[in-house]
Amino acid sequence: MRRAFFTIGALFALVVVVLLRSTLAHERPRAFIDGVGPGWRTLGENDFADVNGDPDTWKWTNGVLLCSGKPIGVLRTRQEFANLEMVVEWRHLRPAGNSGVFVWVPDEALAQLKPDALPEHGIEVQMLDHGYREQYERQSGQKGTWFTTNGDVFAVGKSKLIPFPPLSPDGSRSFPRKELGRGAPEWNHYYVRAINGELRLWVNGEEVSGGSSAVPRTGYLCLESEGSPVEFKEIRVRELP
């Protein structure tokens, strides 16, 4: 009996090991890019210019950028970019916050942009808190089925983009394949890769959404102020050929 007991125990252990290896083998590899390495550089206060905010809309403290959310508008990089990689950490300070990063925003979209307005060009990489859906449905009386709170990617205004599936009901947005966003006041990590008109977004280490054939495919990076306080840090970029 003792010999049989050990034989069964060994067989059980072997099955567990095989199942564990099989599970690990089928896990999708994670691509967590931290923005460290050759060619990467950190963007700070001197790398940005206000477009249509108030003096206290954007404030830098110890490398952290605080946006009050008022008025609605954007802060742009001083440099224009074509092909690039970008990492940024962000968090909403209140539930239902709304913000985002605009990629490839041309000069014409920012010139003469008045307060409480957003540019009419660019590819938006959205940053919504999970509480935004409940707020939207309560205030509008409509179902919030046209957006998600986990990293939508879409063309703004006059810009163009062919979004990757899954798509929003009207086909204009790339909806994330997984729900990986963290709610306020937790930090989120975005990695954006934009090459030759194709843009892909990784949320907290996994690729979730994107699109291709963007027009235009060169311009400024812009951070969005849209009504609620939000913080950004570890903003890093690397230009690509």
Protein backbone atom coordinates (compact mmCIF):
# COMPACT_ATOMS: atom_id res chain seq x y z
CA MET A 1 0.00 0.00 0.00
CA ARG A 2 2.79 2.40 0.84
CA ARG A 3 4.47 1.85 -2.53
CA ALA A 4 1.15 2.48 -4.35
CA PHE A 5 0.56 5.63 -2.31
CA PHE A 6 3.88 7.14 -3.38
CA THR A 7 3.24 6.15 -6.99
CA ILE A 8 -0.12 7.93 -7.03
CA GLY A 9 1.39 10.96 -5.29
CA ALA A 10 4.19 11.19 -7.82
CA LEU A 11 1.72 10.88 -10.68
CA PHE A 12 -0.42 13.69 -9.22
CA ALA A 13 2.63 15.96 -8.87
CA LEU A 14 3.62 15.25 -12.46
CA VAL A 15 0.13 16.20 -13.71
CA VAL A 16 0.25 19.47 -11.76
CA VAL A 17 3.64 20.36 -13.25
CA VAL A 18 2.46 19.59 -16.80
CA LEU A 19 -0.70 21.68 -16.39
CA LEU A 20 1.27 24.58 -14.92
CA ARG A 21 3.78 24.54 -17.78
CA SER A 22 0.96 24.37 -20.32
CA THR A 23 -0.75 27.39 -18.74
CA LEU A 24 2.44 29.43 -18.71
CA ALA A 25 3.21 28.47 -22.29
CA HIS A 26 -0.13 29.85 -23.46
CA GLU A 27 0.11 33.16 -21.60
CA ARG A 28 0.56 36.13 -23.91
CA PRO A 29 3.92 37.86 -23.42
CA ARG A 30 3.73 41.21 -21.68
CA ALA A 31 5.51 44.23 -23.20
CA PHE A 32 6.11 46.60 -20.33
CA ILE A 33 8.22 49.45 -21.68
CA ASP A 34 9.54 51.81 -19.02
CA GLY A 35 11.19 54.34 -21.32
CA VAL A 36 14.73 53.57 -20.20
CA GLY A 37 17.52 52.90 -22.69
CA PRO A 38 19.33 54.42 -25.67
CA GLY A 39 17.44 57.27 -27.30
CA TRP A 40 14.85 57.75 -24.57
CA ARG A 41 14.54 61.15 -22.91
CA THR A 42 12.31 62.59 -20.22
CA LEU A 43 10.05 65.52 -21.04
CA GLY A 44 9.82 68.19 -18.37
CA GLU A 45 8.49 71.70 -17.92
CA ASN A 46 10.80 73.24 -20.54
CA ASP A 47 9.63 70.77 -23.17
CA PHE A 48 6.01 71.97 -23.14
CA ALA A 49 4.14 75.14 -24.09
CA ASP A 50 0.67 76.18 -22.97
CA VAL A 51 -1.86 76.58 -25.76
CA ASN A 52 -5.13 77.87 -24.31
CA GLY A 53 -5.06 77.42 -20.55
CA ASP A 54 -5.02 79.76 -17.57
CA PRO A 55 -1.79 80.47 -15.64
CA ASP A 56 -2.75 77.87 -13.02
CA THR A 57 -4.10 75.17 -15.36
CA TRP A 58 -0.76 73.34 -15.55
CA LYS A 59 1.72 73.17 -12.65
CA TRP A 60 4.94 71.19 -12.29
CA THR A 61 6.06 69.97 -8.85
CA ASN A 62 9.02 67.64 -8.41
CA GLY A 63 8.60 66.16 -11.86
CA VAL A 64 4.83 65.66 -11.56
CA LEU A 65 2.52 67.69 -13.80
CA LEU A 66 -0.81 68.65 -12.24
CA CYS A 67 -3.64 69.73 -14.50
CA SER A 68 -6.58 71.48 -12.83
CA GLY A 69 -8.90 70.52 -15.67
CA LYS A 70 -10.06 74.09 -16.21
CA PRO A 71 -10.46 75.53 -18.72
CA ILE A 72 -10.80 72.78 -21.30
CA GLY A 73 -7.74 72.86 -23.54
CA VAL A 74 -4.30 71.39 -24.17
CA LEU A 75 -0.62 71.68 -23.34
CA ARG A 76 1.65 70.86 -26.30
CA THR A 77 5.24 69.76 -26.73
CA ARG A 78 7.56 72.40 -28.16
CA GLN A 79 8.81 69.82 -30.65
CA GLU A 80 6.83 68.12 -33.41
CA PHE A 81 7.16 64.36 -33.86
CA ALA A 82 6.64 61.87 -36.67
CA ASN A 83 7.61 58.33 -35.61
CA LEU A 84 8.02 57.85 -31.89
CA GLU A 85 7.52 55.83 -28.75
CA MET A 86 6.07 57.42 -25.64
CA VAL A 87 5.48 56.33 -22.07
CA VAL A 88 3.45 58.27 -19.53
CA GLU A 89 1.98 57.57 -16.12
CA TRP A 90 -1.26 59.30 -15.21
CA ARG A 91 -4.01 59.26 -12.63
CA HIS A 92 -7.28 61.06 -12.01
CA LEU A 93 -7.63 62.69 -8.61
CA ARG A 94 -11.43 62.42 -8.62
CA PRO A 95 -13.82 59.77 -9.91
CA ALA A 96 -15.26 60.28 -13.41
CA GLY A 97 -12.23 62.25 -14.62
CA ASN A 98 -11.61 62.82 -18.33
CA SER A 99 -8.28 63.45 -20.08
CA GLY A 100 -6.05 62.07 -22.80
CA VAL A 101 -2.99 62.41 -25.00
CA PHE A 102 -3.25 63.73 -28.56
CA VAL A 103 -0.67 62.48 -31.06
CA TRP A 104 0.20 64.13 -34.40
CA VAL A 105 -1.53 67.47 -33.82
CA PRO A 106 -0.54 69.95 -36.59
CA ASP A 107 0.16 73.65 -36.09
CA GLU A 108 -3.08 74.68 -37.77
CA ALA A 109 -5.14 72.92 -35.11
CA LEU A 110 -3.51 74.90 -32.29
CA ALA A 111 -3.18 78.36 -33.78
CA GLN A 112 -5.82 80.71 -32.39
CA LEU A 113 -7.33 77.93 -30.25
CA LYS A 114 -9.52 79.65 -27.66
CA PRO A 115 -10.03 78.54 -24.04
CA ASP A 116 -12.62 75.80 -23.50
CA ALA A 117 -11.86 74.27 -26.90
CA LEU A 118 -9.90 71.23 -28.07
CA PRO A 119 -7.90 70.88 -31.30
CA GLU A 120 -9.73 69.66 -34.41
CA HIS A 121 -6.87 67.39 -35.43
CA GLY A 122 -4.97 64.55 -33.80
CA ILE A 123 -5.24 60.94 -32.73
CA GLU A 124 -6.57 60.78 -29.20
CA VAL A 125 -5.38 58.17 -26.74
CA GLN A 126 -8.11 58.50 -24.16
CA MET A 127 -7.72 58.54 -20.39
CA LEU A 128 -11.11 58.12 -18.72
CA ASP A 129 -11.84 57.15 -15.14
CA HIS A 130 -14.23 54.23 -14.68
CA GLY A 131 -16.74 56.49 -12.94
CA TYR A 132 -17.19 58.52 -16.13
CA ARG A 133 -19.76 56.11 -17.59
CA GLU A 134 -22.06 56.37 -14.60
CA GLN A 135 -21.75 60.17 -14.62
CA TYR A 136 -22.42 60.37 -18.37
CA GLU A 137 -25.50 58.16 -18.19
CA ARG A 138 -26.88 60.04 -15.20
CA GLN A 139 -26.39 63.46 -16.78
CA SER A 140 -27.38 62.59 -20.34
CA GLY A 141 -30.06 59.99 -19.74
CA GLN A 142 -28.42 57.85 -22.44
CA LYS A 143 -26.41 54.65 -22.36
CA GLY A 144 -22.65 55.12 -22.62
CA THR A 145 -22.06 52.48 -25.26
CA TRP A 146 -19.99 54.64 -27.62
CA PHE A 147 -16.90 54.77 -25.37
CA THR A 148 -14.99 52.68 -22.84
CA THR A 149 -12.82 53.62 -19.86
CA ASN A 150 -9.89 51.32 -20.64
CA GLY A 151 -8.01 53.06 -23.47
CA ASP A 152 -9.97 54.03 -26.59
CA VAL A 153 -7.98 55.26 -29.61
CA PHE A 154 -9.63 57.40 -32.29
CA ALA A 155 -9.18 60.25 -34.76
CA VAL A 156 -10.27 63.72 -33.70
CA GLY A 157 -12.03 66.21 -35.97
CA LYS A 158 -10.34 66.48 -39.36
CA SER A 159 -7.74 63.76 -38.73
CA LYS A 160 -8.23 60.25 -40.09
CA LEU A 161 -7.51 56.79 -38.72
CA ILE A 162 -8.60 53.24 -39.51
CA PRO A 163 -9.22 51.86 -36.00
CA PHE A 164 -8.29 48.31 -35.04
CA PRO A 165 -11.13 46.04 -33.86
CA PRO A 166 -13.02 45.67 -31.65
CA LEU A 167 -14.80 48.84 -32.73
CA SER A 168 -17.26 51.25 -31.16
CA PRO A 169 -20.86 50.95 -32.42
CA ASP A 170 -20.30 53.65 -35.07
CA GLY A 171 -16.92 52.23 -36.10
CA SER A 172 -14.95 55.39 -35.25
CA ARG A 173 -13.07 54.13 -32.18
CA SER A 174 -10.74 51.27 -31.45
CA PHE A 175 -12.10 49.71 -28.27
CA PRO A 176 -9.60 47.95 -25.97
CA ARG A 177 -9.46 44.16 -26.16
CA LYS A 178 -8.96 43.90 -22.40
CA GLU A 179 -10.10 45.97 -19.42
CA LEU A 180 -6.83 46.91 -17.72
CA GLY A 181 -7.41 50.52 -16.61
CA ARG A 182 -7.18 51.45 -12.92
CA GLY A 183 -9.63 53.83 -11.31
CA ALA A 184 -8.91 57.05 -9.39
CA PRO A 185 -6.64 57.70 -7.61
CA GLU A 186 -4.43 54.83 -8.83
CA TRP A 187 -1.67 55.40 -11.37
CA ASN A 188 -1.92 54.00 -14.90
CA HIS A 189 0.95 53.32 -17.30
CA TYR A 190 0.52 53.98 -21.04
CA TYR A 191 3.00 52.99 -23.73
CA VAL A 192 2.24 54.45 -27.17
CA ARG A 193 4.06 53.43 -30.35
CA ALA A 194 3.37 55.57 -33.43
CA ILE A 195 5.11 54.62 -36.70
CA ASN A 196 4.25 55.58 -40.28
CA GLY A 197 0.65 56.37 -39.48
CA GLU A 198 0.08 53.32 -37.29
CA LEU A 199 -0.54 53.86 -33.57
CA ARG A 200 -0.74 51.18 -30.91
CA LEU A 201 -1.53 51.52 -27.19
CA TRP A 202 -0.40 49.34 -24.29
CA VAL A 203 -2.28 49.83 -20.98
CA ASN A 204 -0.46 48.74 -17.84
CA GLY A 205 1.76 46.38 -19.80
CA GLU A 206 -0.52 44.87 -22.46
CA GLU A 207 -1.45 46.01 -25.96
CA VAL A 208 -5.17 46.80 -26.16
CA SER A 209 -6.07 49.17 -29.02
CA GLY A 210 -4.85 51.28 -31.95
CA GLY A 211 -5.27 52.08 -35.61
CA SER A 212 -3.52 52.61 -38.93
CA SER A 213 -3.35 54.94 -41.95
CA ALA A 214 -3.44 58.10 -39.83
CA VAL A 215 -3.62 61.49 -41.57
CA PRO A 216 -1.73 63.61 -40.69
CA ARG A 217 1.05 61.53 -39.18
CA THR A 218 3.32 64.26 -37.87
CA GLY A 219 2.75 66.99 -35.31
CA TYR A 220 2.80 67.84 -31.62
CA LEU A 221 1.99 65.70 -28.61
CA CYS A 222 -0.70 67.35 -26.48
CA LEU A 223 -1.94 66.64 -22.98
CA GLU A 224 -5.62 67.29 -22.41
CA SER A 225 -7.38 69.38 -19.78
CA GLU A 226 -11.05 68.44 -19.69
CA GLY A 227 -12.82 69.46 -16.51
CA SER A 228 -11.25 67.39 -13.75
CA PRO A 229 -7.86 67.34 -11.97
CA VAL A 230 -5.37 64.84 -13.34
CA GLU A 231 -1.66 64.20 -12.81
CA PHE A 232 1.05 63.07 -15.23
CA LYS A 233 4.57 61.87 -14.53
CA GLU A 234 7.47 59.96 -16.12
CA ILE A 235 6.67 61.41 -19.56
CA ARG A 236 9.33 59.95 -21.86
CA VAL A 237 9.76 59.78 -25.61
CA ARG A 238 12.06 58.18 -28.12
CA GLU A 239 12.11 59.29 -31.75
CA LEU A 240 12.15 56.52 -34.34
CA PRO A 241 13.31 56.51 -37.99
